[in-house]
C-alpha atoms as a PDB file:
ATOM      1  CA  MET A   1     165.192  78.421  57.965  1.00  0.00           C
ATOM      2  CA  GLN A   2     164.380  82.005  58.935  1.00  0.00           C
ATOM      3  CA  GLU A   3     166.578  83.375  61.697  1.00  0.00           C
ATOM      4  CA  ASP A   4     165.019  84.644  64.901  1.00  0.00           C
ATOM      5  CA  PRO A   5     165.088  88.482  64.829  1.00  0.00           C
ATOM      6  CA  GLU A   6     167.289  90.113  67.456  1.00  0.00           C
ATOM      7  CA  ARG A   7     166.393  92.730  70.057  1.00  0.00           C
ATOM      8  CA  LYS A   8     168.494  94.662  72.566  1.00  0.00           C
ATOM      9  CA  CYS A   9     168.239  93.908  76.289  1.00  0.00           C
ATOM     10  CA  ILE A  10     167.772  97.078  78.355  1.00  0.00           C
ATOM     11  CA  VAL A  11     169.944  95.614  81.133  1.00  0.00           C
ATOM     12  CA  THR A  12     172.966  94.221  79.302  1.00  0.00           C
ATOM     13  CA  GLY A  13     172.772  96.445  76.229  1.00  0.00           C
ATOM     14  CA  GLU A  14     173.451  93.377  74.093  1.00  0.00           C
ATOM     15  CA  SER A  15     171.382  92.260  71.120  1.00  0.00           C
ATOM     16  CA  GLN A  16     170.268  88.647  71.003  1.00  0.00           C
ATOM     17  CA  PRO A  17     167.505  86.516  69.442  1.00  0.00           C
ATOM     18  CA  LYS A  18     164.025  87.276  70.756  1.00  0.00           C
ATOM     19  CA  ALA A  19     163.682  83.650  71.881  1.00  0.00           C
ATOM     20  CA  GLY A  20     166.054  84.396  74.779  1.00  0.00           C
ATOM     21  CA  LEU A  21     164.312  87.574  75.927  1.00  0.00           C
ATOM     22  CA  ILE A  22     161.179  88.589  77.799  1.00  0.00           C
ATOM     23  CA  ARG A  23     159.128  91.228  75.994  1.00  0.00           C
ATOM     24  CA  PHE A  24     157.344  93.987  77.915  1.00  0.00           C
ATOM     25  CA  CYS A  25     154.756  96.509  76.744  1.00  0.00           C
ATOM     26  CA  LEU A  26     153.490  99.678  78.365  1.00  0.00           C
ATOM     27  CA  SER A  27     149.747  99.688  79.031  1.00  0.00           C
ATOM     28  CA  PRO A  28     147.661 102.883  78.608  1.00  0.00           C
ATOM     29  CA  ASP A  29     147.650 103.371  82.401  1.00  0.00           C
ATOM     30  CA  GLY A  30     151.442 103.261  82.642  1.00  0.00           C
ATOM     31  CA  MET A  31     151.821  99.658  83.798  1.00  0.00           C
ATOM     32  CA  MET A  32     154.782  97.714  82.367  1.00  0.00           C
ATOM     33  CA  VAL A  33     153.218  94.393  81.382  1.00  0.00           C
ATOM     34  CA  PRO A  34     155.216  91.223  80.652  1.00  0.00           C
ATOM     35  CA  ASP A  35     154.255  89.895  77.221  1.00  0.00           C
ATOM     36  CA  VAL A  36     155.390  86.271  77.407  1.00  0.00           C
ATOM     37  CA  LEU A  37     153.410  85.361  74.287  1.00  0.00           C
ATOM     38  CA  GLY A  38     154.858  88.278  72.328  1.00  0.00           C
ATOM     39  CA  ARG A  39     151.481  89.375  70.999  1.00  0.00           C
ATOM     40  CA  LEU A  40     150.588  92.620  72.774  1.00  0.00           C
ATOM     41  CA  PRO A  41     150.403  95.763  70.620  1.00  0.00           C
ATOM     42  CA  GLY A  42     152.840  98.610  70.985  1.00  0.00           C
ATOM     43  CA  ARG A  43     156.591  99.024  71.137  1.00  0.00           C
ATOM     44  CA  GLY A  44     158.346  96.185  72.906  1.00  0.00           C
ATOM     45  CA  ILE A  45     160.919  96.572  75.653  1.00  0.00           C
ATOM     46  CA  TYR A  46     163.165  93.532  76.096  1.00  0.00           C
ATOM     47  CA  VAL A  47     165.010  91.996  79.037  1.00  0.00           C
ATOM     48  CA  THR A  48     167.192  88.904  79.018  1.00  0.00           C
ATOM     49  CA  ALA A  49     165.268  85.898  80.355  1.00  0.00           C
ATOM     50  CA  GLY A  50     167.254  85.662  83.571  1.00  0.00           C
ATOM     51  CA  LYS A  51     166.318  86.256  87.198  1.00  0.00           C
ATOM     52  CA  ASP A  52     169.195  88.669  87.846  1.00  0.00           C
ATOM     53  CA  ALA A  53     168.488  90.722  84.728  1.00  0.00           C
ATOM     54  CA  LEU A  54     164.777  91.035  85.509  1.00  0.00           C
ATOM     55  CA  GLU A  55     165.409  92.010  89.123  1.00  0.00           C
ATOM     56  CA  LYS A  56     167.977  94.610  88.069  1.00  0.00           C
ATOM     57  CA  ALA A  57     165.635  96.092  85.461  1.00  0.00           C
ATOM     58  CA  ALA A  58     162.933  96.443  88.112  1.00  0.00           C
ATOM     59  CA  SER A  59     165.117  97.765  90.942  1.00  0.00           C
ATOM     60  CA  LYS A  60     167.264 100.194  88.936  1.00  0.00           C
ATOM     61  CA  GLY A  61     164.456 101.983  87.110  1.00  0.00           C
ATOM     62  CA  LEU A  62     165.538 100.662  83.733  1.00  0.00           C
ATOM     63  CA  PHE A  63     161.975 100.152  82.532  1.00  0.00           C
ATOM     64  CA  SER A  64     161.192 103.834  83.088  1.00  0.00           C
ATOM     65  CA  ARG A  65     164.395 104.829  81.329  1.00  0.00           C
ATOM     66  CA  ALA A  66     163.581 102.619  78.333  1.00  0.00           C
ATOM     67  CA  ALA A  67     160.002 103.885  78.174  1.00  0.00           C
ATOM     68  CA  LYS A  68     161.149 107.507  78.688  1.00  0.00           C
ATOM     69  CA  GLN A  69     158.438 108.018  81.287  1.00  0.00           C
ATOM     70  CA  PRO A  70     157.520 106.869  84.795  1.00  0.00           C
ATOM     71  CA  VAL A  71     156.061 103.358  84.856  1.00  0.00           C
ATOM     72  CA  THR A  72     154.589 101.039  87.451  1.00  0.00           C
ATOM     73  CA  LEU A  73     155.389  97.341  87.703  1.00  0.00           C
ATOM     74  CA  PRO A  74     153.197  94.388  88.697  1.00  0.00           C
ATOM     75  CA  ASP A  75     153.737  92.971  92.167  1.00  0.00           C
ATOM     76  CA  ASN A  76     156.086  89.972  92.264  1.00  0.00           C
ATOM     77  CA  LEU A  77     157.188  90.587  88.679  1.00  0.00           C
ATOM     78  CA  VAL A  78     159.645  87.694  88.428  1.00  0.00           C
ATOM     79  CA  LEU A  79     157.191  85.238  89.987  1.00  0.00           C
ATOM     80  CA  LEU A  80     154.489  86.391  87.566  1.00  0.00           C
ATOM     81  CA  ILE A  81     156.740  85.768  84.563  1.00  0.00           C
ATOM     82  CA  GLU A  82     157.887  82.442  85.997  1.00  0.00           C
ATOM     83  CA  THR A  83     154.298  81.265  86.413  1.00  0.00           C
ATOM     84  CA  GLN A  84     153.350  82.313  82.884  1.00  0.00           C
ATOM     85  CA  LEU A  85     156.373  80.603  81.358  1.00  0.00           C
ATOM     86  CA  ALA A  86     155.823  77.380  83.317  1.00  0.00           C
ATOM     87  CA  ARG A  87     152.268  77.253  82.024  1.00  0.00           C
ATOM     88  CA  ARG A  88     153.471  77.915  78.480  1.00  0.00           C
ATOM     89  CA  VAL A  89     156.006  75.082  78.625  1.00  0.00           C
ATOM     90  CA  ALA A  90     153.352  72.715  79.994  1.00  0.00           C
ATOM     91  CA  ASP A  91     150.913  73.771  77.262  1.00  0.00           C
ATOM     92  CA  TYR A  92     153.425  73.005  74.519  1.00  0.00           C
ATOM     93  CA  ILE A  93     154.216  69.623  76.049  1.00  0.00           C
ATOM     94  CA  SER A  94     150.481  68.921  76.201  1.00  0.00           C
ATOM     95  CA  MET A  95     150.116  69.744  72.508  1.00  0.00           C
ATOM     96  CA  ALA A  96     153.047  67.457  71.727  1.00  0.00           C
ATOM     97  CA  ARG A  97     151.359  64.700  73.737  1.00  0.00           C
ATOM     98  CA  LYS A  98     148.153  65.068  71.730  1.00  0.00           C
ATOM     99  CA  ALA A  99     150.229  64.841  68.541  1.00  0.00           C
ATOM    100  CA  GLY A 100     151.802  61.604  69.767  1.00  0.00           C
ATOM    101  CA  ASP A 101     155.213  63.228  70.274  1.00  0.00           C
ATOM    102  CA  ALA A 102     155.376  63.215  74.082  1.00  0.00           C
ATOM    103  CA  ILE A 103     155.072  60.474  76.690  1.00  0.00           C
ATOM    104  CA  CYS A 104     155.602  60.191  80.446  1.00  0.00           C
ATOM    105  CA  GLY A 105     156.392  57.429  82.915  1.00  0.00           C
ATOM    106  CA  PHE A 106     159.754  55.844  83.697  1.00  0.00           C
ATOM    107  CA  GLU A 107     159.341  52.658  81.638  1.00  0.00           C
ATOM    108  CA  LYS A 108     157.844  54.428  78.609  1.00  0.00           C
ATOM    109  CA  VAL A 109     160.583  57.043  78.636  1.00  0.00           C
ATOM    110  CA  LYS A 110     163.270  54.378  79.027  1.00  0.00           C
ATOM    111  CA  ASP A 111     161.820  52.513  76.048  1.00  0.00           C
ATOM    112  CA  TRP A 112     161.857  55.651  73.855  1.00  0.00           C
ATOM    113  CA  LEU A 113     165.447  56.385  74.874  1.00  0.00           C
ATOM    114  CA  ASN A 114     166.613  52.859  74.115  1.00  0.00           C
ATOM    115  CA  LYS A 115     164.897  52.969  70.713  1.00  0.00           C
ATOM    116  CA  ASP A 116     166.416  56.395  69.910  1.00  0.00           C
ATOM    117  CA  LYS A 117     162.935  57.838  69.544  1.00  0.00           C
ATOM    118  CA  ALA A 118     163.411  60.490  72.219  1.00  0.00           C
ATOM    119  CA  GLU A 119     164.835  63.832  71.150  1.00  0.00           C
ATOM    120  CA  VAL A 120     164.579  65.434  74.606  1.00  0.00           C
ATOM    121  CA  LEU A 121     164.413  64.029  78.135  1.00  0.00           C
ATOM    122  CA  ILE A 122     162.326  65.917  80.706  1.00  0.00           C
ATOM    123  CA  GLN A 123     162.739  65.302  84.432  1.00  0.00           C
ATOM    124  CA  ALA A 124     160.933  67.066  87.275  1.00  0.00           C
ATOM    125  CA  SER A 125     163.166  69.344  89.319  1.00  0.00           C
ATOM    126  CA  ASP A 126     161.748  67.939  92.577  1.00  0.00           C
ATOM    127  CA  GLY A 127     161.813  64.277  91.545  1.00  0.00           C
ATOM    128  CA  SER A 128     163.985  61.679  93.263  1.00  0.00           C
ATOM    129  CA  GLU A 129     167.620  62.019  92.167  1.00  0.00           C
ATOM    130  CA  ARG A 130     168.039  58.278  92.518  1.00  0.00           C
ATOM    131  CA  GLY A 131     165.317  57.663  89.964  1.00  0.00           C
ATOM    132  CA  LYS A 132     166.394  60.452  87.616  1.00  0.00           C
ATOM    133  CA  ASP A 133     170.009  59.270  87.551  1.00  0.00           C
ATOM    134  CA  LYS A 134     168.882  56.057  85.851  1.00  0.00           C
ATOM    135  CA  LEU A 135     167.914  57.894  82.670  1.00  0.00           C
ATOM    136  CA  TYR A 136     170.275  59.901  80.493  1.00  0.00           C
ATOM    137  CA  PRO A 137     169.560  62.627  77.907  1.00  0.00           C
ATOM    138  CA  PRO A 138     169.749  61.300  74.349  1.00  0.00           C
ATOM    139  CA  ASP A 139     172.230  63.940  73.204  1.00  0.00           C
ATOM    140  CA  GLY A 140     173.966  65.272  76.294  1.00  0.00           C
ATOM    141  CA  PRO A 141     172.929  68.153  78.582  1.00  0.00           C
ATOM    142  CA  GLU A 142     171.490  70.189  75.697  1.00  0.00           C
ATOM    143  CA  SER A 143     168.720  67.593  75.395  1.00  0.00           C
ATOM    144  CA  LEU A 144     167.679  67.690  79.065  1.00  0.00           C
ATOM    145  CA  ILE A 145     164.876  69.839  80.493  1.00  0.00           C
ATOM    146  CA  GLY A 146     164.778  69.986  84.274  1.00  0.00           C
ATOM    147  CA  CYS A 147     163.069  73.271  85.127  1.00  0.00           C
ATOM    148  CA  LEU A 148     159.511  72.013  85.724  1.00  0.00           C
ATOM    149  CA  THR A 149     158.203  70.679  89.017  1.00  0.00           C
ATOM    150  CA  ALA A 150     156.447  67.316  89.114  1.00  0.00           C
ATOM    151  CA  GLN A 151     153.108  69.092  89.463  1.00  0.00           C
ATOM    152  CA  GLU A 152     153.783  71.378  86.487  1.00  0.00           C
ATOM    153  CA  LEU A 153     154.909  68.448  84.347  1.00  0.00           C
ATOM    154  CA  GLY A 154     151.868  66.473  85.451  1.00  0.00           C
ATOM    155  CA  LEU A 155     149.589  69.211  84.121  1.00  0.00           C
ATOM    156  CA  ALA A 156     150.860  68.537  80.623  1.00  0.00           C
ATOM    157  CA  PHE A 157     149.745  64.919  80.865  1.00  0.00           C
ATOM    158  CA  GLY A 158     146.469  65.395  82.721  1.00  0.00           C
ATOM    159  CA  ARG A 159     147.714  63.895  85.957  1.00  0.00           C
ATOM    160  CA  GLU A 160     148.616  65.168  89.402  1.00  0.00           C
ATOM    161  CA  ARG A 161     152.360  64.599  89.093  1.00  0.00           C
ATOM    162  CA  ALA A 162     154.909  63.351  86.583  1.00  0.00           C
ATOM    163  CA  ILE A 163     158.643  62.853  87.062  1.00  0.00           C
ATOM    164  CA  HIS A 164     159.904  61.505  83.728  1.00  0.00           C
ATOM    165  CA  ALA A 165     158.837  62.500  80.213  1.00  0.00           C
ATOM    166  CA  ALA A 166     160.304  62.501  76.722  1.00  0.00           C
ATOM    167  CA  LEU A 167     159.720  64.354  73.468  1.00  0.00           C
ATOM    168  CA  ALA A 168     160.166  63.079  69.936  1.00  0.00           C
ATOM    169  CA  ALA A 169     161.600  65.313  67.222  1.00  0.00           C
ATOM    170  CA  GLY A 170     159.228  67.929  65.835  1.00  0.00           C
ATOM    171  CA  ARG A 171     158.210  71.576  65.633  1.00  0.00           C
ATOM    172  CA  LEU A 172     156.530  71.520  69.039  1.00  0.00           C
ATOM    173  CA  THR A 173     159.613  70.033  70.661  1.00  0.00           C
ATOM    174  CA  ARG A 174     161.654  73.003  69.473  1.00  0.00           C
ATOM    175  CA  ARG A 175     159.148  75.367  71.074  1.00  0.00           C
ATOM    176  CA  VAL A 176     159.237  73.407  74.338  1.00  0.00           C
ATOM    177  CA  VAL A 177     163.044  73.639  74.382  1.00  0.00           C
ATOM    178  CA  GLU A 178     163.004  77.394  73.698  1.00  0.00           C
ATOM    179  CA  GLU A 179     160.413  78.174  76.360  1.00  0.00           C
ATOM    180  CA  ALA A 180     162.059  75.847  78.885  1.00  0.00           C
ATOM    181  CA  ALA A 181     165.353  77.693  78.363  1.00  0.00           C
ATOM    182  CA  ARG A 182     163.626  80.981  79.213  1.00  0.00           C
ATOM    183  CA  LEU A 183     161.983  79.428  82.266  1.00  0.00           C
ATOM    184  CA  SER A 184     165.303  78.009  83.468  1.00  0.00           C
ATOM    185  CA  GLY A 185     166.836  81.465  83.214  1.00  0.00           C
ATOM    186  CA  VAL A 186     164.025  83.168  85.091  1.00  0.00           C
ATOM    187  CA  ARG A 187     164.240  80.511  87.810  1.00  0.00           C
ATOM    188  CA  GLY A 188     167.995  81.002  88.043  1.00  0.00           C
ATOM    189  CA  MET A 189     168.644  77.354  87.244  1.00  0.00           C
ATOM    190  CA  MET A 190     171.663  75.775  85.609  1.00  0.00           C
ATOM    191  CA  VAL A 191     171.475  72.737  83.355  1.00  0.00           C
ATOM    192  CA  LYS A 192     172.865  69.674  85.095  1.00  0.00           C
ATOM    193  CA  ARG A 193     175.743  68.325  83.046  1.00  0.00           C
ATOM    194  CA  VAL A 194     175.295  64.591  82.795  1.00  0.00           C
ATOM    195  CA  GLY A 195     177.538  63.909  79.815  1.00  0.00           C
ATOM    196  CA  ARG A 196     176.711  61.474  77.032  1.00  0.00           C
ATOM    197  CA  ARG A 197     175.970  58.016  78.346  1.00  0.00           C
ATOM    198  CA  SER A 198     173.866  55.120  77.156  1.00  0.00           C
ATOM    199  CA  ALA A 199     170.290  56.356  77.320  1.00  0.00           C
ATOM    200  CA  GLY A 200     167.937  54.511  79.616  1.00  0.00           C
ATOM    201  CA  LYS A 201     170.634  52.430  81.276  1.00  0.00           C
ATOM    202  CA  ASP A 202     170.955  52.016  85.030  1.00  0.00           C
ATOM    203  CA  THR A 203     174.106  53.502  86.540  1.00  0.00           C
ATOM    204  CA  LYS A 204     175.463  50.076  87.396  1.00  0.00           C
ATOM    205  CA  ASP A 205     175.169  49.061  83.742  1.00  0.00           C
ATOM    206  CA  VAL A 206     177.078  52.024  82.350  1.00  0.00           C
END
């Protein structure tokens, strides 16, 4: 498998795989534009996908230093990136759903977990903790995504809200995990460590 090429973060000075960075490009009018999709032409400037790193790059003039010229930044830069990433995660989940590799709903997710069909558990960040605690990631905290709101997760399934979802193994699932990791960083969220317990079992049964 081809390794993800590395780029240097202008804040930390460390090189890391592009999957963990946010790419920026300078527009002809001097605006520093976030390139979440990684497709804009021109030389890329990279910042670690973390709220603190992005805010420091913006407040300390690091974008201008990296570009070697004065630049302007979009209003609410972090919120703009957060919104774009949330939409990207939802889009990938939607594609997985159309491929038959994603489902939502407590009972459906519980069934997939019990049958070892689920590779990743997704739970809305604003869902009821009581309900979420009854389902466990299939492979520990690394297989849990909890950075989407119920409304954002619902978008992926064509409904108003969704609290519980699961992904089967596949190429799209890997992309969801990568983009969700970036979104978690930009939102300043930490993965909740739930350990490795019997998937889909109620707490009283564990």
